Amino acid sequence: MNIKENKKNAIDFYRMAYEGKPKAAIEKYCGGTYIQHNPHVANGPKGFIDYFERMQREYPEKSIKFVRAVAEGDLVALHTHQIWPDNDQYITMDFFRFDTEGKICEHWDSIQQIPKTSANPNTMY
């Protein structure tokens, strides 16, 4: 298992899908099985592709910044800052599991909207 390569591949996979090329991301970075734990996305590669194609049609001006990536064993965690239309901002934590061939095969995430005010001066990213 190549942890450094897995981190790069997880970032490239997510960026490619987020920027409107989910089918290419699945073809390049997944091994055929894609177990989805986000309740808003259907299980499998088709569910992933359908979700990100819809997001690209509805919100083509969104942006993503990868703040950090942490890897251990067959898992990679990504911490992102996303900006959507009307300056609607989110923090996500995505976890990807890689199979023995180095392909992404499972995903979990947690998404939180950045509030307009905060009790402290620290960013959420």
N, C-alpha and C. Protein backbone atom coordinates (compact mmCIF):
# COMPACT_ATOMS: atom_id res chain seq x y z
N MET A 1 0.85 -1.18 0.00
CA MET A 1 0.00 0.00 0.00
C MET A 1 0.89 1.24 0.00
N ASN A 2 0.69 2.11 -0.97
CA ASN A 2 1.47 3.32 -1.09
C ASN A 2 0.66 4.51 -0.56
N ILE A 3 0.90 4.89 0.68
CA ILE A 3 0.12 5.93 1.34
C ILE A 3 0.23 7.27 0.62
N LYS A 4 1.42 7.63 0.19
CA LYS A 4 1.61 8.92 -0.50
C LYS A 4 0.82 8.94 -1.81
N GLU A 5 0.87 7.86 -2.56
CA GLU A 5 0.13 7.77 -3.81
C GLU A 5 -1.38 7.78 -3.56
N ASN A 6 -1.82 7.08 -2.52
CA ASN A 6 -3.25 7.07 -2.19
C ASN A 6 -3.75 8.48 -1.86
N LYS A 7 -2.95 9.26 -1.12
CA LYS A 7 -3.35 10.64 -0.80
C LYS A 7 -3.51 11.46 -2.08
N LYS A 8 -2.54 11.37 -2.95
CA LYS A 8 -2.61 12.10 -4.22
C LYS A 8 -3.81 11.66 -5.03
N ASN A 9 -4.05 10.35 -5.10
CA ASN A 9 -5.16 9.83 -5.90
C ASN A 9 -6.51 10.23 -5.32
N ALA A 10 -6.64 10.25 -4.00
CA ALA A 10 -7.90 10.67 -3.38
C ALA A 10 -8.19 12.14 -3.72
N ILE A 11 -7.18 12.99 -3.63
CA ILE A 11 -7.35 14.41 -3.97
C ILE A 11 -7.70 14.56 -5.45
N ASP A 12 -6.97 13.90 -6.31
CA ASP A 12 -7.23 14.00 -7.75
C ASP A 12 -8.62 13.48 -8.11
N PHE A 13 -9.03 12.38 -7.48
CA PHE A 13 -10.35 11.80 -7.70
C PHE A 13 -11.45 12.79 -7.32
N TYR A 14 -11.35 13.33 -6.12
CA TYR A 14 -12.37 14.25 -5.63
C TYR A 14 -12.40 15.53 -6.46
N ARG A 15 -11.22 16.08 -6.76
CA ARG A 15 -11.14 17.31 -7.56
C ARG A 15 -11.77 17.09 -8.94
N MET A 16 -11.43 15.99 -9.58
CA MET A 16 -11.93 15.69 -10.91
C MET A 16 -13.46 15.60 -10.90
N ALA A 17 -14.01 14.90 -9.92
CA ALA A 17 -15.47 14.76 -9.82
C ALA A 17 -16.12 16.10 -9.51
N TYR A 18 -15.57 16.81 -8.56
CA TYR A 18 -16.12 18.10 -8.10
C TYR A 18 -16.14 19.12 -9.24
N GLU A 19 -15.12 19.07 -10.10
CA GLU A 19 -15.01 20.03 -11.19
C GLU A 19 -15.75 19.58 -12.45
N GLY A 20 -16.58 18.52 -12.34
CA GLY A 20 -17.47 18.16 -13.43
C GLY A 20 -17.10 16.96 -14.26
N LYS A 21 -16.15 16.16 -13.82
CA LYS A 21 -15.76 14.97 -14.59
C LYS A 21 -15.84 13.70 -13.73
N PRO A 22 -17.03 13.42 -13.15
CA PRO A 22 -17.12 12.26 -12.26
C PRO A 22 -16.95 10.92 -12.97
N LYS A 23 -17.40 10.82 -14.22
CA LYS A 23 -17.25 9.55 -14.95
C LYS A 23 -15.77 9.24 -15.17
N ALA A 24 -15.01 10.24 -15.58
CA ALA A 24 -13.56 10.06 -15.77
C ALA A 24 -12.88 9.72 -14.45
N ALA A 25 -13.34 10.34 -13.36
CA ALA A 25 -12.76 10.06 -12.04
C ALA A 25 -13.00 8.61 -11.64
N ILE A 26 -14.22 8.13 -11.84
CA ILE A 26 -14.55 6.73 -11.51
C ILE A 26 -13.70 5.79 -12.37
N GLU A 27 -13.62 6.06 -13.67
CA GLU A 27 -12.86 5.20 -14.58
C GLU A 27 -11.38 5.13 -14.22
N LYS A 28 -10.82 6.25 -13.79
CA LYS A 28 -9.38 6.30 -13.50
C LYS A 28 -9.02 5.82 -12.10
N TYR A 29 -9.86 6.13 -11.11
CA TYR A 29 -9.46 5.91 -9.72
C TYR A 29 -10.23 4.83 -8.96
N CYS A 30 -11.30 4.28 -9.55
CA CYS A 30 -12.08 3.24 -8.85
C CYS A 30 -11.93 1.90 -9.55
N GLY A 31 -12.08 0.85 -8.77
CA GLY A 31 -11.90 -0.49 -9.31
C GLY A 31 -13.19 -1.21 -9.64
N GLY A 32 -14.30 -0.52 -9.74
CA GLY A 32 -15.57 -1.16 -10.09
C GLY A 32 -16.55 -1.18 -8.94
N THR A 33 -16.06 -1.37 -7.73
CA THR A 33 -16.93 -1.32 -6.55
C THR A 33 -16.79 0.05 -5.92
N TYR A 34 -17.94 0.64 -5.57
CA TYR A 34 -17.90 1.93 -4.88
C TYR A 34 -19.02 1.93 -3.86
N ILE A 35 -18.66 1.72 -2.61
CA ILE A 35 -19.61 1.68 -1.50
C ILE A 35 -19.75 3.09 -0.97
N GLN A 36 -20.99 3.59 -0.96
CA GLN A 36 -21.26 4.98 -0.59
C GLN A 36 -21.99 5.03 0.75
N HIS A 37 -21.49 5.86 1.67
CA HIS A 37 -22.13 6.02 2.98
C HIS A 37 -22.86 7.35 3.13
N ASN A 38 -22.74 8.25 2.15
CA ASN A 38 -23.49 9.50 2.18
C ASN A 38 -24.94 9.18 1.83
N PRO A 39 -25.91 9.48 2.70
CA PRO A 39 -27.30 9.11 2.44
C PRO A 39 -27.94 9.85 1.27
N HIS A 40 -27.29 10.88 0.74
CA HIS A 40 -27.84 11.64 -0.38
C HIS A 40 -27.32 11.15 -1.73
N VAL A 41 -26.44 10.14 -1.72
CA VAL A 41 -25.83 9.63 -2.95
C VAL A 41 -26.10 8.14 -3.03
N ALA A 42 -26.58 7.68 -4.17
CA ALA A 42 -26.85 6.25 -4.36
C ALA A 42 -25.55 5.45 -4.34
N ASN A 43 -25.65 4.21 -3.91
CA ASN A 43 -24.50 3.30 -3.86
C ASN A 43 -23.99 3.01 -5.28
N GLY A 44 -22.69 2.75 -5.40
CA GLY A 44 -22.11 2.34 -6.67
C GLY A 44 -21.62 3.48 -7.52
N PRO A 45 -20.83 3.15 -8.55
CA PRO A 45 -20.27 4.17 -9.43
C PRO A 45 -21.33 5.05 -10.10
N LYS A 46 -22.45 4.48 -10.55
CA LYS A 46 -23.48 5.26 -11.22
C LYS A 46 -24.07 6.32 -10.28
N GLY A 47 -24.31 5.96 -9.02
CA GLY A 47 -24.82 6.92 -8.06
C GLY A 47 -23.88 8.10 -7.89
N PHE A 48 -22.59 7.81 -7.81
CA PHE A 48 -21.56 8.85 -7.68
C PHE A 48 -21.57 9.76 -8.90
N ILE A 49 -21.57 9.15 -10.08
CA ILE A 49 -21.55 9.93 -11.33
C ILE A 49 -22.80 10.80 -11.43
N ASP A 50 -23.97 10.22 -11.18
CA ASP A 50 -25.22 10.97 -11.27
C ASP A 50 -25.21 12.17 -10.33
N TYR A 51 -24.76 11.96 -9.10
CA TYR A 51 -24.74 13.03 -8.10
C TYR A 51 -23.84 14.18 -8.55
N PHE A 52 -22.61 13.87 -8.94
CA PHE A 52 -21.67 14.94 -9.30
C PHE A 52 -22.00 15.60 -10.63
N GLU A 53 -22.62 14.87 -11.56
CA GLU A 53 -23.07 15.51 -12.80
C GLU A 53 -24.18 16.51 -12.50
N ARG A 54 -25.10 16.14 -11.60
CA ARG A 54 -26.18 17.06 -11.21
C ARG A 54 -25.61 18.29 -10.50
N MET A 55 -24.64 18.09 -9.60
CA MET A 55 -24.03 19.22 -8.90
C MET A 55 -23.35 20.17 -9.89
N GLN A 56 -22.71 19.64 -10.91
CA GLN A 56 -22.04 20.47 -11.90
C GLN A 56 -23.05 21.27 -12.72
N ARG A 57 -24.16 20.64 -13.08
CA ARG A 57 -25.20 21.36 -13.83
C ARG A 57 -25.82 22.47 -12.98
N GLU A 58 -26.13 22.16 -11.73
CA GLU A 58 -26.83 23.10 -10.87
C GLU A 58 -25.92 24.19 -10.28
N TYR A 59 -24.66 23.85 -10.04
CA TYR A 59 -23.73 24.78 -9.37
C TYR A 59 -22.36 24.78 -10.07
N PRO A 60 -22.28 25.23 -11.31
CA PRO A 60 -21.00 25.17 -12.03
C PRO A 60 -19.92 26.08 -11.47
N GLU A 61 -20.28 27.08 -10.67
CA GLU A 61 -19.30 28.05 -10.16
C GLU A 61 -18.75 27.71 -8.79
N LYS A 62 -19.02 26.54 -8.28
CA LYS A 62 -18.51 26.16 -6.95
C LYS A 62 -16.99 25.97 -7.02
N SER A 63 -16.33 26.07 -5.86
CA SER A 63 -14.88 25.85 -5.82
C SER A 63 -14.53 25.01 -4.60
N ILE A 64 -13.36 24.40 -4.66
CA ILE A 64 -12.90 23.54 -3.57
C ILE A 64 -11.41 23.79 -3.32
N LYS A 65 -11.05 23.81 -2.06
CA LYS A 65 -9.64 23.89 -1.66
C LYS A 65 -9.37 22.70 -0.74
N PHE A 66 -8.33 21.96 -1.04
CA PHE A 66 -7.94 20.83 -0.20
C PHE A 66 -7.00 21.36 0.87
N VAL A 67 -7.47 21.33 2.11
CA VAL A 67 -6.75 21.93 3.22
C VAL A 67 -5.71 20.95 3.76
N ARG A 68 -6.11 19.69 3.92
CA ARG A 68 -5.16 18.68 4.40
C ARG A 68 -5.62 17.30 3.99
N ALA A 69 -4.64 16.40 3.95
CA ALA A 69 -4.91 14.99 3.66
C ALA A 69 -4.10 14.16 4.65
N VAL A 70 -4.75 13.17 5.22
CA VAL A 70 -4.12 12.29 6.20
C VAL A 70 -4.38 10.86 5.75
N ALA A 71 -3.36 10.02 5.80
CA ALA A 71 -3.53 8.64 5.36
C ALA A 71 -2.97 7.68 6.39
N GLU A 72 -3.65 6.55 6.50
CA GLU A 72 -3.19 5.46 7.37
C GLU A 72 -3.74 4.16 6.80
N GLY A 73 -2.86 3.20 6.60
CA GLY A 73 -3.30 1.92 6.05
C GLY A 73 -3.98 2.11 4.70
N ASP A 74 -5.21 1.61 4.58
CA ASP A 74 -5.93 1.73 3.31
C ASP A 74 -6.91 2.90 3.29
N LEU A 75 -6.79 3.84 4.25
CA LEU A 75 -7.71 4.98 4.34
C LEU A 75 -7.01 6.31 4.08
N VAL A 76 -7.73 7.21 3.42
CA VAL A 76 -7.28 8.59 3.24
C VAL A 76 -8.40 9.50 3.69
N ALA A 77 -8.06 10.48 4.50
CA ALA A 77 -9.02 11.49 4.95
C ALA A 77 -8.66 12.83 4.31
N LEU A 78 -9.66 13.50 3.74
CA LEU A 78 -9.47 14.81 3.14
C LEU A 78 -10.30 15.84 3.89
N HIS A 79 -9.68 16.97 4.17
CA HIS A 79 -10.35 18.10 4.83
C HIS A 79 -10.42 19.20 3.78
N THR A 80 -11.65 19.62 3.41
CA THR A 80 -11.78 20.62 2.34
C THR A 80 -12.56 21.84 2.80
N HIS A 81 -12.34 22.92 2.06
CA HIS A 81 -13.11 24.16 2.20
C HIS A 81 -13.77 24.38 0.85
N GLN A 82 -15.10 24.43 0.84
CA GLN A 82 -15.85 24.59 -0.40
C GLN A 82 -16.62 25.91 -0.37
N ILE A 83 -16.62 26.59 -1.51
CA ILE A 83 -17.41 27.82 -1.66
C ILE A 83 -18.40 27.60 -2.80
N TRP A 84 -19.67 27.81 -2.48
CA TRP A 84 -20.77 27.60 -3.41
C TRP A 84 -21.37 28.97 -3.75
N PRO A 85 -22.33 29.03 -4.67
CA PRO A 85 -22.94 30.33 -5.03
C PRO A 85 -23.43 31.10 -3.80
N ASP A 86 -23.43 32.41 -3.94
CA ASP A 86 -23.83 33.34 -2.87
C ASP A 86 -22.91 33.24 -1.65
N ASN A 87 -21.65 32.85 -1.86
CA ASN A 87 -20.66 32.71 -0.80
C ASN A 87 -21.10 31.75 0.30
N ASP A 88 -21.83 30.73 -0.07
CA ASP A 88 -22.28 29.67 0.83
C ASP A 88 -21.08 28.74 1.03
N GLN A 89 -20.53 28.68 2.24
CA GLN A 89 -19.28 27.95 2.47
C GLN A 89 -19.48 26.73 3.36
N TYR A 90 -18.73 25.68 3.03
CA TYR A 90 -18.81 24.41 3.75
C TYR A 90 -17.43 23.86 4.04
N ILE A 91 -17.36 23.09 5.10
CA ILE A 91 -16.19 22.30 5.43
C ILE A 91 -16.60 20.85 5.28
N THR A 92 -15.78 20.06 4.61
CA THR A 92 -16.07 18.63 4.51
C THR A 92 -14.89 17.82 5.03
N MET A 93 -15.21 16.68 5.52
CA MET A 93 -14.22 15.67 5.89
C MET A 93 -14.66 14.41 5.15
N ASP A 94 -13.86 14.00 4.20
CA ASP A 94 -14.16 12.82 3.39
C ASP A 94 -13.14 11.74 3.68
N PHE A 95 -13.63 10.52 3.78
CA PHE A 95 -12.77 9.36 4.02
C PHE A 95 -12.94 8.39 2.86
N PHE A 96 -11.82 7.98 2.29
CA PHE A 96 -11.83 7.04 1.18
C PHE A 96 -11.05 5.79 1.57
N ARG A 97 -11.61 4.63 1.26
CA ARG A 97 -10.90 3.37 1.47
C ARG A 97 -10.42 2.87 0.11
N PHE A 98 -9.19 2.39 0.08
CA PHE A 98 -8.58 1.86 -1.13
C PHE A 98 -8.52 0.34 -1.05
N ASP A 99 -8.74 -0.32 -2.20
CA ASP A 99 -8.64 -1.78 -2.23
C ASP A 99 -7.17 -2.20 -2.39
N THR A 100 -6.91 -3.47 -2.49
CA THR A 100 -5.54 -3.98 -2.57
C THR A 100 -4.85 -3.60 -3.89
N GLU A 101 -5.64 -3.18 -4.88
CA GLU A 101 -5.08 -2.75 -6.17
C GLU A 101 -4.81 -1.23 -6.20
N GLY A 102 -5.07 -0.55 -5.07
CA GLY A 102 -4.84 0.88 -5.01
C GLY A 102 -5.97 1.70 -5.61
N LYS A 103 -7.16 1.12 -5.70
CA LYS A 103 -8.32 1.81 -6.25
C LYS A 103 -9.30 2.18 -5.14
N ILE A 104 -9.96 3.31 -5.28
CA ILE A 104 -10.94 3.76 -4.29
C ILE A 104 -12.17 2.85 -4.39
N CYS A 105 -12.62 2.36 -3.22
CA CYS A 105 -13.75 1.43 -3.22
C CYS A 105 -14.82 1.77 -2.19
N GLU A 106 -14.58 2.77 -1.33
CA GLU A 106 -15.57 3.11 -0.31
C GLU A 106 -15.39 4.56 0.14
N HIS A 107 -16.51 5.20 0.52
CA HIS A 107 -16.48 6.62 0.88
C HIS A 107 -17.45 6.93 2.02
N TRP A 108 -16.96 7.75 2.96
CA TRP A 108 -17.77 8.33 4.04
C TRP A 108 -17.50 9.83 4.02
N ASP A 109 -18.46 10.63 4.48
CA ASP A 109 -18.18 12.05 4.61
C ASP A 109 -19.01 12.70 5.70
N SER A 110 -18.54 13.86 6.09
CA SER A 110 -19.25 14.72 7.04
C SER A 110 -19.14 16.13 6.50
N ILE A 111 -20.29 16.81 6.40
CA ILE A 111 -20.33 18.13 5.80
C ILE A 111 -20.95 19.11 6.79
N GLN A 112 -20.30 20.27 6.96
CA GLN A 112 -20.82 21.28 7.87
C GLN A 112 -20.75 22.64 7.22
N GLN A 113 -21.84 23.36 7.25
CA GLN A 113 -21.85 24.72 6.73
C GLN A 113 -21.11 25.64 7.69
N ILE A 114 -20.32 26.55 7.14
CA ILE A 114 -19.60 27.52 7.97
C ILE A 114 -20.59 28.59 8.38
N PRO A 115 -20.78 28.81 9.68
CA PRO A 115 -21.74 29.82 10.13
C PRO A 115 -21.23 31.24 9.85
N LYS A 116 -22.14 32.18 9.79
CA LYS A 116 -21.79 33.58 9.53
C LYS A 116 -21.03 34.21 10.69
N THR A 117 -21.28 33.72 11.92
CA THR A 117 -20.57 34.23 13.10
C THR A 117 -19.95 33.07 13.86
N SER A 118 -18.94 33.39 14.65
CA SER A 118 -18.22 32.36 15.42
C SER A 118 -17.87 32.92 16.80
N ALA A 119 -17.84 32.05 17.78
CA ALA A 119 -17.46 32.45 19.15
C ALA A 119 -15.95 32.60 19.29
N ASN A 120 -15.17 32.24 18.21
CA ASN A 120 -13.73 32.38 18.28
C ASN A 120 -13.22 32.88 16.91
N PRO A 121 -11.97 33.35 16.85
CA PRO A 121 -11.45 33.89 15.59
C PRO A 121 -10.82 32.83 14.66
N ASN A 122 -10.93 31.56 15.00
CA ASN A 122 -10.29 30.50 14.23
C ASN A 122 -11.17 30.05 13.06
N THR A 123 -10.52 29.69 11.95
CA THR A 123 -11.28 29.14 10.82
C THR A 123 -11.62 27.69 11.12
N MET A 124 -12.56 27.15 10.37
CA MET A 124 -12.91 25.74 10.51
C MET A 124 -12.01 24.87 9.64
N TYR A 125 -11.06 25.49 9.00
CA TYR A 125 -10.12 24.79 8.15
C TYR A 125 -8.73 25.27 8.43
